Protein backbone atom coordinates (compact mmCIF):
# COMPACT_ATOMS: atom_id res chain seq x y z
CA UNK A 1 101.11 46.39 57.36
CA UNK A 2 104.73 47.38 57.15
CA UNK A 3 106.41 50.52 58.41
CA UNK A 4 106.64 51.85 54.86
CA UNK A 5 102.88 51.33 54.38
CA UNK A 6 102.11 53.16 57.68
CA UNK A 7 104.38 56.05 56.70
CA UNK A 8 102.67 56.33 53.30
CA UNK A 9 99.24 56.30 54.94
CA UNK A 10 100.29 59.12 57.35
CA UNK A 11 101.68 61.15 54.45
CA UNK A 12 98.40 60.84 52.57
CA UNK A 13 96.42 61.81 55.69
CA UNK A 14 98.56 64.91 56.35
CA UNK A 15 98.45 65.86 52.65
CA UNK A 16 94.64 65.74 52.69
CA UNK A 17 94.50 68.49 55.38
CA UNK A 18 94.74 71.99 53.88
CA UNK A 19 98.00 73.83 54.58
CA UNK A 20 96.29 76.75 56.38
CA UNK A 21 94.54 74.36 58.77
CA UNK A 22 97.83 72.60 59.56
CA UNK A 23 99.55 75.93 60.32
CA UNK A 24 96.66 77.04 62.51
CA UNK A 25 96.73 73.72 64.37
CA UNK A 26 100.46 74.00 65.03
CA UNK A 27 100.03 77.59 66.30
CA UNK A 28 97.20 76.63 68.65
CA UNK A 29 99.12 73.62 69.92
CA UNK A 30 102.31 75.62 70.52
CA UNK A 31 100.53 78.50 72.28
CA UNK A 32 98.54 76.13 74.50
CA UNK A 33 101.66 74.19 75.39
CA UNK A 34 103.67 77.33 76.19
CA UNK A 35 100.86 78.77 78.33
CA UNK A 36 100.55 75.50 80.26
CA UNK A 37 104.28 75.28 80.88
CA UNK A 38 104.41 78.91 81.99
CA UNK A 39 101.50 78.33 84.37
CA UNK A 40 103.17 75.27 85.86
CA UNK A 41 106.45 77.15 86.24
CA UNK A 42 104.65 79.93 88.11
CA UNK A 43 103.03 77.44 90.46
CA UNK A 44 106.35 75.70 91.14
CA UNK A 45 108.18 78.98 91.74
CA UNK A 46 105.80 80.03 94.51
CA UNK A 47 106.03 76.82 96.55
CA UNK A 48 109.43 77.25 98.15
CA UNK A 49 109.44 80.95 99.00
CA UNK A 50 108.83 82.17 102.52
CA UNK A 51 108.62 85.91 103.14
CA UNK A 52 109.19 87.23 106.63
CA UNK A 53 108.63 90.85 107.55
CA UNK A 54 110.66 92.52 110.25
CA UNK A 55 109.33 95.59 111.98
CA UNK A 56 111.55 98.54 112.68
CA UNK A 57 112.16 99.18 116.39
CA UNK A 58 110.28 102.49 116.25
CA UNK A 59 107.26 100.88 114.60
CA UNK A 60 107.28 97.96 117.04
CA UNK A 61 107.30 100.26 120.06
CA UNK A 62 104.64 102.50 118.61
CA UNK A 63 102.42 99.63 117.49
CA UNK A 64 102.51 98.10 120.97
CA UNK A 65 100.83 101.14 122.52
CA UNK A 66 97.88 102.71 120.70
CA UNK A 67 97.17 106.43 120.91
CA UNK A 68 95.01 106.15 124.01
CA UNK A 69 97.80 104.42 125.98
CA UNK A 70 100.73 106.69 125.11
CA UNK A 71 101.13 109.79 127.18
CA UNK A 72 102.78 112.98 126.08
CA UNK A 73 102.53 114.61 122.69
CA UNK A 74 99.89 114.28 119.99
CA UNK A 75 99.49 110.74 118.58
CA UNK A 76 99.29 110.05 114.86
CA UNK A 77 98.67 106.92 112.82
CA UNK A 78 100.31 105.77 109.59
CA UNK A 79 100.12 102.74 107.33
CA UNK A 80 102.99 100.27 107.16
CA UNK A 81 102.76 100.58 103.36
CA UNK A 82 102.25 104.35 103.13
CA UNK A 83 104.30 107.52 103.37
CA UNK A 84 101.85 109.87 105.18
CA UNK A 85 100.66 110.09 108.77
CA UNK A 86 97.24 111.23 110.02
CA UNK A 87 95.48 112.25 113.17
CA UNK A 88 93.20 109.40 114.35
CA UNK A 89 90.07 111.45 113.55
CA UNK A 90 91.05 112.17 109.92
CA UNK A 91 89.36 110.36 107.04
CA UNK A 92 92.69 108.99 105.81
CA UNK A 93 93.25 107.24 109.14
CA UNK A 94 89.87 105.53 108.89
CA UNK A 95 90.83 104.01 105.52
CA UNK A 96 93.89 102.22 106.97
CA UNK A 97 93.15 98.62 107.93
CA UNK A 98 93.80 97.68 111.54
CA UNK A 99 96.50 95.20 110.49
CA UNK A 100 98.49 97.97 108.76
CA UNK A 101 98.13 100.72 111.38
CA UNK A 102 101.29 101.95 113.09
CA UNK A 103 101.04 104.49 115.93
CA UNK A 104 103.61 107.25 116.47
CA UNK A 105 104.08 110.61 118.03
CA UNK A 106 104.27 113.28 115.34
CA UNK A 107 108.03 113.66 115.93
CA UNK A 108 108.65 109.90 115.77
CA UNK A 109 106.62 109.61 112.54
CA UNK A 110 108.71 112.34 110.92
CA UNK A 111 111.90 110.63 112.13
CA UNK A 112 110.70 107.33 110.63
CA UNK A 113 110.33 108.99 107.21
CA UNK A 114 106.60 109.69 107.18
CA UNK A 115 105.24 113.09 106.07
CA UNK A 116 102.08 114.78 107.37
CA UNK A 117 99.01 114.33 105.20
CA UNK A 118 98.01 117.56 103.46
CA UNK A 119 94.27 116.94 103.85
CA UNK A 120 94.40 116.33 107.62
CA UNK A 121 93.85 119.58 109.54
CA UNK A 122 95.78 120.02 112.77
CA UNK A 123 99.12 118.51 111.73
């Protein structure tokens, strides 16, 4: 079999497949290939990144001493990711995970940019 014979055989094989089926096959192949390459790119992109979080000095001091240990004014709790602060007995404070809790005095929380929660009585 020569190269010309092989080429003619491939032409006849491709010509025997309906045009709509060929187009659909190319679309499925291209979409599968692009999804796979995108997935691999996403995996590769995440391998070299290291994220480090730095705590603010106010949060570090307040987190070191929970409400029971700090003397003085009324203690409040806030989430590292939130914008509101709560009294420890409020329902909002109970929904904050221990890993995200930051303890403040009410004045220090306001200075750090937190606002009092509207649904927490006593603030």
